């Protein structure tokens, strides 16, 4: 299957929140940084399999969240999202 990594601009869906909470179990913290950051999602066959959240401020980038669905781990998806 072909992995597709794109910038996510929609509302935070339940599916996306479940992935985000895998890496950061505090939904309030996720809510604070998600609106002010760039969100990348990885999809295979139109299914969400990974998410990366990056904030950039004053020339410094910070990886806030990085998660890959358990069934899709070990295949380089996180590495591909970081490289994107």
PDB file of N, CA and C in Angstrom:
ATOM      1  N   UNK A   1       0.835  -1.181   0.000  1.00  0.00           N
ATOM      2  CA  UNK A   1       0.000   0.000   0.000  1.00  0.00           C
ATOM      3  C   UNK A   1       0.878   1.241   0.000  1.00  0.00           C
ATOM      4  N   UNK A   2       0.365   2.293  -0.592  1.00  0.00           N
ATOM      5  CA  UNK A   2       1.106   3.539  -0.723  1.00  0.00           C
ATOM      6  C   UNK A   2       0.839   4.448   0.468  1.00  0.00           C
ATOM      7  N   UNK A   3       1.914   4.914   1.098  1.00  0.00           N
ATOM      8  CA  UNK A   3       1.813   5.842   2.213  1.00  0.00           C
ATOM      9  C   UNK A   3       1.725   7.257   1.669  1.00  0.00           C
ATOM     10  N   UNK A   4       0.772   8.020   2.181  1.00  0.00           N
ATOM     11  CA  UNK A   4       0.607   9.410   1.766  1.00  0.00           C
ATOM     12  C   UNK A   4       0.686  10.288   3.011  1.00  0.00           C
ATOM     13  N   UNK A   5       1.591  11.277   2.976  1.00  0.00           N
ATOM     14  CA  UNK A   5       1.749  12.207   4.093  1.00  0.00           C
ATOM     15  C   UNK A   5       1.300  13.580   3.631  1.00  0.00           C
ATOM     16  N   UNK A   6       0.348  14.156   4.364  1.00  0.00           N
ATOM     17  CA  UNK A   6      -0.199  15.462   4.004  1.00  0.00           C
ATOM     18  C   UNK A   6      -0.369  16.323   5.249  1.00  0.00           C
ATOM     19  N   UNK A   7      -0.476  17.628   4.996  1.00  0.00           N
ATOM     20  CA  UNK A   7      -0.768  18.541   6.101  1.00  0.00           C
ATOM     21  C   UNK A   7      -2.255  18.442   6.415  1.00  0.00           C
ATOM     22  N   UNK A   8      -2.573  18.393   7.693  1.00  0.00           N
ATOM     23  CA  UNK A   8      -3.957  18.264   8.147  1.00  0.00           C
ATOM     24  C   UNK A   8      -4.447  19.630   8.585  1.00  0.00           C
ATOM     25  N   UNK A   9      -5.592  20.044   8.055  1.00  0.00           N
ATOM     26  CA  UNK A   9      -6.109  21.371   8.383  1.00  0.00           C
ATOM     27  C   UNK A   9      -7.531  21.340   8.916  1.00  0.00           C
ATOM     28  N   UNK A  10      -8.130  20.196   9.002  1.00  0.00           N
ATOM     29  CA  UNK A  10      -9.524  20.104   9.445  1.00  0.00           C
ATOM     30  C   UNK A  10      -9.656  20.109  10.957  1.00  0.00           C
ATOM     31  N   UNK A  11     -10.885  19.945  11.399  1.00  0.00           N
ATOM     32  CA  UNK A  11     -11.153  19.808  12.832  1.00  0.00           C
ATOM     33  C   UNK A  11     -10.557  18.489  13.319  1.00  0.00           C
ATOM     34  N   UNK A  12     -10.229  18.429  14.589  1.00  0.00           N
ATOM     35  CA  UNK A  12      -9.637  17.220  15.158  1.00  0.00           C
ATOM     36  C   UNK A  12     -10.726  16.153  15.299  1.00  0.00           C
ATOM     37  N   UNK A  13     -10.619  15.117  14.489  1.00  0.00           N
ATOM     38  CA  UNK A  13     -11.592  14.021  14.524  1.00  0.00           C
ATOM     39  C   UNK A  13     -11.285  13.099  15.703  1.00  0.00           C
ATOM     40  N   UNK A  14     -12.228  12.243  16.038  1.00  0.00           N
ATOM     41  CA  UNK A  14     -12.013  11.258  17.101  1.00  0.00           C
ATOM     42  C   UNK A  14     -10.842  10.341  16.755  1.00  0.00           C
ATOM     43  N   UNK A  15     -10.769   9.953  15.490  1.00  0.00           N
ATOM     44  CA  UNK A  15      -9.692   9.064  15.038  1.00  0.00           C
ATOM     45  C   UNK A  15      -8.326   9.727  15.219  1.00  0.00           C
ATOM     46  N   UNK A  16      -8.233  11.008  14.848  1.00  0.00           N
ATOM     47  CA  UNK A  16      -6.982  11.740  15.012  1.00  0.00           C
ATOM     48  C   UNK A  16      -6.649  11.909  16.491  1.00  0.00           C
ATOM     49  N   UNK A  17      -7.635  12.246  17.309  1.00  0.00           N
ATOM     50  CA  UNK A  17      -7.392  12.429  18.741  1.00  0.00           C
ATOM     51  C   UNK A  17      -6.900  11.139  19.384  1.00  0.00           C
ATOM     52  N   UNK A  18      -7.432   9.994  18.971  1.00  0.00           N
ATOM     53  CA  UNK A  18      -6.976   8.718  19.530  1.00  0.00           C
ATOM     54  C   UNK A  18      -5.491   8.500  19.246  1.00  0.00           C
ATOM     55  N   UNK A  19      -5.051   8.846  18.044  1.00  0.00           N
ATOM     56  CA  UNK A  19      -3.627   8.729  17.727  1.00  0.00           C
ATOM     57  C   UNK A  19      -2.809   9.705  18.562  1.00  0.00           C
ATOM     58  N   UNK A  20      -3.259  10.941  18.662  1.00  0.00           N
ATOM     59  CA  UNK A  20      -2.541  11.953  19.437  1.00  0.00           C
ATOM     60  C   UNK A  20      -2.392  11.528  20.895  1.00  0.00           C
ATOM     61  N   UNK A  21      -3.434  10.925  21.446  1.00  0.00           N
ATOM     62  CA  UNK A  21      -3.412  10.515  22.850  1.00  0.00           C
ATOM     63  C   UNK A  21      -2.504   9.309  23.103  1.00  0.00           C
ATOM     64  N   UNK A  22      -2.101   8.605  22.048  1.00  0.00           N
ATOM     65  CA  UNK A  22      -1.149   7.507  22.207  1.00  0.00           C
ATOM     66  C   UNK A  22       0.208   8.043  22.660  1.00  0.00           C
ATOM     67  N   UNK A  23       0.575   9.231  22.174  1.00  0.00           N
ATOM     68  CA  UNK A  23       1.877   9.810  22.499  1.00  0.00           C
ATOM     69  C   UNK A  23       1.801  10.814  23.637  1.00  0.00           C
ATOM     70  N   UNK A  24       0.636  11.392  23.848  1.00  0.00           N
ATOM     71  CA  UNK A  24       0.447  12.396  24.903  1.00  0.00           C
ATOM     72  C   UNK A  24      -0.910  12.133  25.535  1.00  0.00           C
ATOM     73  N   UNK A  25      -0.947  11.459  26.677  1.00  0.00           N
ATOM     74  CA  UNK A  25      -2.230  11.048  27.256  1.00  0.00           C
ATOM     75  C   UNK A  25      -3.045  12.169  27.896  1.00  0.00           C
ATOM     76  N   UNK A  26      -2.595  13.413  27.786  1.00  0.00           N
ATOM     77  CA  UNK A  26      -3.298  14.549  28.384  1.00  0.00           C
ATOM     78  C   UNK A  26      -4.081  15.307  27.310  1.00  0.00           C
ATOM     79  N   UNK A  27      -5.395  15.080  27.193  1.00  0.00           N
ATOM     80  CA  UNK A  27      -6.169  15.745  26.141  1.00  0.00           C
ATOM     81  C   UNK A  27      -6.151  17.268  26.251  1.00  0.00           C
ATOM     82  N   UNK A  28      -6.020  17.799  27.454  1.00  0.00           N
ATOM     83  CA  UNK A  28      -5.951  19.257  27.604  1.00  0.00           C
ATOM     84  C   UNK A  28      -4.658  19.802  27.007  1.00  0.00           C
ATOM     85  N   UNK A  29      -3.554  19.118  27.221  1.00  0.00           N
ATOM     86  CA  UNK A  29      -2.277  19.540  26.640  1.00  0.00           C
ATOM     87  C   UNK A  29      -2.341  19.471  25.120  1.00  0.00           C
ATOM     88  N   UNK A  30      -2.898  18.393  24.597  1.00  0.00           N
ATOM     89  CA  UNK A  30      -3.050  18.256  23.144  1.00  0.00           C
ATOM     90  C   UNK A  30      -3.868  19.424  22.607  1.00  0.00           C
ATOM     91  N   UNK A  31      -4.952  19.758  23.273  1.00  0.00           N
ATOM     92  CA  UNK A  31      -5.798  20.869  22.847  1.00  0.00           C
ATOM     93  C   UNK A  31      -5.068  22.193  22.831  1.00  0.00           C
ATOM     94  N   UNK A  32      -4.127  22.381  23.757  1.00  0.00           N
ATOM     95  CA  UNK A  32      -3.378  23.639  23.813  1.00  0.00           C
ATOM     96  C   UNK A  32      -2.416  23.776  22.642  1.00  0.00           C
ATOM     97  N   UNK A  33      -1.715  22.722  22.273  1.00  0.00           N
ATOM     98  CA  UNK A  33      -0.707  22.887  21.222  1.00  0.00           C
ATOM     99  C   UNK A  33      -1.203  22.578  19.820  1.00  0.00           C
ATOM    100  N   UNK A  34      -2.275  21.849  19.677  1.00  0.00           N
ATOM    101  CA  UNK A  34      -2.712  21.425  18.344  1.00  0.00           C
ATOM    102  C   UNK A  34      -3.124  22.599  17.456  1.00  0.00           C
ATOM    103  N   UNK A  35      -3.721  23.632  18.039  1.00  0.00           N
ATOM    104  CA  UNK A  35      -4.186  24.759  17.237  1.00  0.00           C
ATOM    105  C   UNK A  35      -3.097  25.681  16.748  1.00  0.00           C
ATOM    106  N   UNK A  36      -1.927  25.638  17.386  1.00  0.00           N
ATOM    107  CA  UNK A  36      -0.841  26.545  17.030  1.00  0.00           C
ATOM    108  C   UNK A  36       0.331  25.801  16.395  1.00  0.00           C
ATOM    109  N   UNK A  37       0.079  24.645  15.835  1.00  0.00           N
ATOM    110  CA  UNK A  37       1.163  23.827  15.291  1.00  0.00           C
ATOM    111  C   UNK A  37       0.788  23.295  13.912  1.00  0.00           C
ATOM    112  N   UNK A  38       1.794  22.810  13.208  1.00  0.00           N
ATOM    113  CA  UNK A  38       1.567  22.144  11.926  1.00  0.00           C
ATOM    114  C   UNK A  38       1.313  20.669  12.212  1.00  0.00           C
ATOM    115  N   UNK A  39       0.257  20.144  11.626  1.00  0.00           N
ATOM    116  CA  UNK A  39      -0.118  18.748  11.842  1.00  0.00           C
ATOM    117  C   UNK A  39       0.035  17.998  10.521  1.00  0.00           C
ATOM    118  N   UNK A  40       0.838  16.962  10.539  1.00  0.00           N
ATOM    119  CA  UNK A  40       0.994  16.087   9.382  1.00  0.00           C
ATOM    120  C   UNK A  40       0.347  14.750   9.706  1.00  0.00           C
ATOM    121  N   UNK A  41      -0.342  14.198   8.730  1.00  0.00           N
ATOM    122  CA  UNK A  41      -0.934  12.881   8.922  1.00  0.00           C
ATOM    123  C   UNK A  41      -0.411  11.928   7.856  1.00  0.00           C
ATOM    124  N   UNK A  42      -0.296  10.674   8.235  1.00  0.00           N
ATOM    125  CA  UNK A  42       0.084   9.614   7.309  1.00  0.00           C
ATOM    126  C   UNK A  42      -1.149   8.748   7.089  1.00  0.00           C
ATOM    127  N   UNK A  43      -1.441   8.486   5.822  1.00  0.00           N
ATOM    128  CA  UNK A  43      -2.611   7.671   5.474  1.00  0.00           C
ATOM    129  C   UNK A  43      -2.203   6.568   4.511  1.00  0.00           C
ATOM    130  N   UNK A  44      -2.833   5.431   4.677  1.00  0.00           N
ATOM    131  CA  UNK A  44      -2.718   4.316   3.749  1.00  0.00           C
ATOM    132  C   UNK A  44      -4.127   3.859   3.427  1.00  0.00           C
ATOM    133  N   UNK A  45      -4.422   3.764   2.160  1.00  0.00           N
ATOM    134  CA  UNK A  45      -5.758   3.347   1.721  1.00  0.00           C
ATOM    135  C   UNK A  45      -6.844   4.174   2.417  1.00  0.00           C
ATOM    136  N   UNK A  46      -6.593   5.473   2.519  1.00  0.00           N
ATOM    137  CA  UNK A  46      -7.533   6.436   3.112  1.00  0.00           C
ATOM    138  C   UNK A  46      -7.786   6.204   4.597  1.00  0.00           C
ATOM    139  N   UNK A  47      -6.896   5.454   5.251  1.00  0.00           N
ATOM    140  CA  UNK A  47      -6.987   5.232   6.703  1.00  0.00           C
ATOM    141  C   UNK A  47      -5.862   5.985   7.381  1.00  0.00           C
ATOM    142  N   UNK A  48      -6.182   6.662   8.449  1.00  0.00           N
ATOM    143  CA  UNK A  48      -5.201   7.400   9.230  1.00  0.00           C
ATOM    144  C   UNK A  48      -4.326   6.410   9.995  1.00  0.00           C
ATOM    145  N   UNK A  49      -3.007   6.458   9.743  1.00  0.00           N
ATOM    146  CA  UNK A  49      -2.105   5.519  10.410  1.00  0.00           C
ATOM    147  C   UNK A  49      -1.034   6.216  11.243  1.00  0.00           C
ATOM    148  N   UNK A  50      -0.876   7.536  11.080  1.00  0.00           N
ATOM    149  CA  UNK A  50       0.137   8.244  11.852  1.00  0.00           C
ATOM    150  C   UNK A  50      -0.123   9.728  11.893  1.00  0.00           C
ATOM    151  N   UNK A  51       0.482  10.386  12.896  1.00  0.00           N
ATOM    152  CA  UNK A  51       0.355  11.834  13.050  1.00  0.00           C
ATOM    153  C   UNK A  51       1.658  12.384  13.618  1.00  0.00           C
ATOM    154  N   UNK A  52       2.025  13.567  13.149  1.00  0.00           N
ATOM    155  CA  UNK A  52       3.166  14.305  13.695  1.00  0.00           C
ATOM    156  C   UNK A  52       2.720  15.746  13.880  1.00  0.00           C
ATOM    157  N   UNK A  53       3.037  16.322  15.029  1.00  0.00           N
ATOM    158  CA  UNK A  53       2.669  17.706  15.333  1.00  0.00           C
ATOM    159  C   UNK A  53       3.956  18.465  15.626  1.00  0.00           C
ATOM    160  N   UNK A  54       4.187  19.542  14.865  1.00  0.00           N
ATOM    161  CA  UNK A  54       5.407  20.335  15.001  1.00  0.00           C
ATOM    162  C   UNK A  54       5.037  21.794  15.182  1.00  0.00           C
ATOM    163  N   UNK A  55       5.661  22.436  16.166  1.00  0.00           N
ATOM    164  CA  UNK A  55       5.481  23.879  16.317  1.00  0.00           C
ATOM    165  C   UNK A  55       6.814  24.545  16.014  1.00  0.00           C
ATOM    166  N   UNK A  56       6.752  25.712  15.408  1.00  0.00           N
ATOM    167  CA  UNK A  56       7.958  26.473  15.083  1.00  0.00           C
ATOM    168  C   UNK A  56       7.799  27.875  15.642  1.00  0.00           C
ATOM    169  N   UNK A  57       8.803  28.290  16.389  1.00  0.00           N
ATOM    170  CA  UNK A  57       8.769  29.601  17.014  1.00  0.00           C
ATOM    171  C   UNK A  57      10.184  30.144  17.076  1.00  0.00           C
ATOM    172  N   UNK A  58      10.364  31.375  16.632  1.00  0.00           N
ATOM    173  CA  UNK A  58      11.669  32.047  16.685  1.00  0.00           C
ATOM    174  C   UNK A  58      12.783  31.192  16.082  1.00  0.00           C
ATOM    175  N   UNK A  59      12.485  30.544  14.959  1.00  0.00           N
ATOM    176  CA  UNK A  59      13.488  29.752  14.267  1.00  0.00           C
ATOM    177  C   UNK A  59      13.792  28.398  14.886  1.00  0.00           C
ATOM    178  N   UNK A  60      13.001  27.988  15.869  1.00  0.00           N
ATOM    179  CA  UNK A  60      13.210  26.695  16.522  1.00  0.00           C
ATOM    180  C   UNK A  60      11.967  25.831  16.322  1.00  0.00           C
ATOM    181  N   UNK A  61      12.173  24.624  15.837  1.00  0.00           N
ATOM    182  CA  UNK A  61      11.058  23.689  15.656  1.00  0.00           C
ATOM    183  C   UNK A  61      11.047  22.699  16.811  1.00  0.00           C
ATOM    184  N   UNK A  62       9.840  22.372  17.269  1.00  0.00           N
ATOM    185  CA  UNK A  62       9.693  21.403  18.356  1.00  0.00           C
ATOM    186  C   UNK A  62       8.671  20.350  17.949  1.00  0.00           C
ATOM    187  N   UNK A  63       9.070  19.096  18.045  1.00  0.00           N
ATOM    188  CA  UNK A  63       8.164  17.990  17.777  1.00  0.00           C
ATOM    189  C   UNK A  63       7.302  17.795  19.020  1.00  0.00           C
ATOM    190  N   UNK A  64       6.035  18.134  18.915  1.00  0.00           N
ATOM    191  CA  UNK A  64       5.126  18.074  20.058  1.00  0.00           C
ATOM    192  C   UNK A  64       4.504  16.694  20.235  1.00  0.00           C
ATOM    193  N   UNK A  65       4.296  15.990  19.125  1.00  0.00           N
ATOM    194  CA  UNK A  65       3.599  14.716  19.189  1.00  0.00           C
ATOM    195  C   UNK A  65       3.975  13.905  17.957  1.00  0.00           C
ATOM    196  N   UNK A  66       4.182  12.628  18.136  1.00  0.00           N
ATOM    197  CA  UNK A  66       4.471  11.718  17.033  1.00  0.00           C
ATOM    198  C   UNK A  66       3.904  10.360  17.409  1.00  0.00           C
ATOM    199  N   UNK A  67       2.969   9.871  16.621  1.00  0.00           N
ATOM    200  CA  UNK A  67       2.335   8.591  16.936  1.00  0.00           C
ATOM    201  C   UNK A  67       2.012   7.834  15.656  1.00  0.00           C
ATOM    202  N   UNK A  68       2.150   6.520  15.735  1.00  0.00           N
ATOM    203  CA  UNK A  68       1.797   5.626  14.632  1.00  0.00           C
ATOM    204  C   UNK A  68       0.907   4.534  15.212  1.00  0.00           C
ATOM    205  N   UNK A  69      -0.176   4.243  14.521  1.00  0.00           N
ATOM    206  CA  UNK A  69      -1.089   3.184  14.963  1.00  0.00           C
ATOM    207  C   UNK A  69      -0.309   1.886  15.148  1.00  0.00           C
ATOM    208  N   UNK A  70      -0.623   1.183  16.212  1.00  0.00           N
ATOM    209  CA  UNK A  70       0.138  -0.007  16.599  1.00  0.00           C
ATOM    210  C   UNK A  70       0.289  -1.018  15.463  1.00  0.00           C
ATOM    211  N   UNK A  71      -0.748  -1.240  14.711  1.00  0.00           N
ATOM    212  CA  UNK A  71      -0.711  -2.234  13.629  1.00  0.00           C
ATOM    213  C   UNK A  71       0.210  -1.823  12.480  1.00  0.00           C
ATOM    214  N   UNK A  72       0.648  -0.572  12.461  1.00  0.00           N
ATOM    215  CA  UNK A  72       1.461  -0.066  11.352  1.00  0.00           C
ATOM    216  C   UNK A  72       2.886   0.286  11.780  1.00  0.00           C
ATOM    217  N   UNK A  73       3.247  -0.031  12.989  1.00  0.00           N
ATOM    218  CA  UNK A  73       4.583   0.302  13.497  1.00  0.00           C
ATOM    219  C   UNK A  73       5.650  -0.602  12.894  1.00  0.00           C
ATOM    220  N   UNK A  74       6.888  -0.094  12.914  1.00  0.00           N
ATOM    221  CA  UNK A  74       8.019  -0.873  12.429  1.00  0.00           C
ATOM    222  C   UNK A  74       8.194  -0.838  10.930  1.00  0.00           C
ATOM    223  N   UNK A  75       7.513   0.078  10.270  1.00  0.00           N
ATOM    224  CA  UNK A  75       7.586   0.154   8.810  1.00  0.00           C
ATOM    225  C   UNK A  75       8.144   1.486   8.319  1.00  0.00           C
ATOM    226  N   UNK A  76       8.664   2.321   9.236  1.00  0.00           N
ATOM    227  CA  UNK A  76       9.283   3.583   8.832  1.00  0.00           C
ATOM    228  C   UNK A  76       8.325   4.743   8.661  1.00  0.00           C
ATOM    229  N   UNK A  77       7.100   4.616   9.145  1.00  0.00           N
ATOM    230  CA  UNK A  77       6.110   5.681   8.976  1.00  0.00           C
ATOM    231  C   UNK A  77       6.509   6.922   9.767  1.00  0.00           C
ATOM    232  N   UNK A  78       6.931   6.768  11.006  1.00  0.00           N
ATOM    233  CA  UNK A  78       7.354   7.923  11.813  1.00  0.00           C
ATOM    234  C   UNK A  78       8.554   8.607  11.166  1.00  0.00           C
ATOM    235  N   UNK A  79       9.495   7.831  10.700  1.00  0.00           N
ATOM    236  CA  UNK A  79      10.675   8.384  10.030  1.00  0.00           C
ATOM    237  C   UNK A  79      10.269   9.176   8.788  1.00  0.00           C
ATOM    238  N   UNK A  80       9.328   8.662   8.027  1.00  0.00           N
ATOM    239  CA  UNK A  80       8.857   9.358   6.827  1.00  0.00           C
ATOM    240  C   UNK A  80       8.157  10.666   7.186  1.00  0.00           C
ATOM    241  N   UNK A  81       7.397  10.680   8.285  1.00  0.00           N
ATOM    242  CA  UNK A  81       6.718  11.914   8.694  1.00  0.00           C
ATOM    243  C   UNK A  81       7.723  12.959   9.155  1.00  0.00           C
ATOM    244  N   UNK A  82       8.756  12.540   9.863  1.00  0.00           N
ATOM    245  CA  UNK A  82       9.779  13.493  10.303  1.00  0.00           C
ATOM    246  C   UNK A  82      10.527  14.056   9.100  1.00  0.00           C
ATOM    247  N   UNK A  83      10.800  13.227   8.117  1.00  0.00           N
ATOM    248  CA  UNK A  83      11.506  13.678   6.916  1.00  0.00           C
ATOM    249  C   UNK A  83      10.660  14.625   6.074  1.00  0.00           C
ATOM    250  N   UNK A  84       9.336  14.505   6.189  1.00  0.00           N
ATOM    251  CA  UNK A  84       8.444  15.358   5.392  1.00  0.00           C
ATOM    252  C   UNK A  84       8.501  16.769   5.924  1.00  0.00           C
TER     253      UNK A  84
END
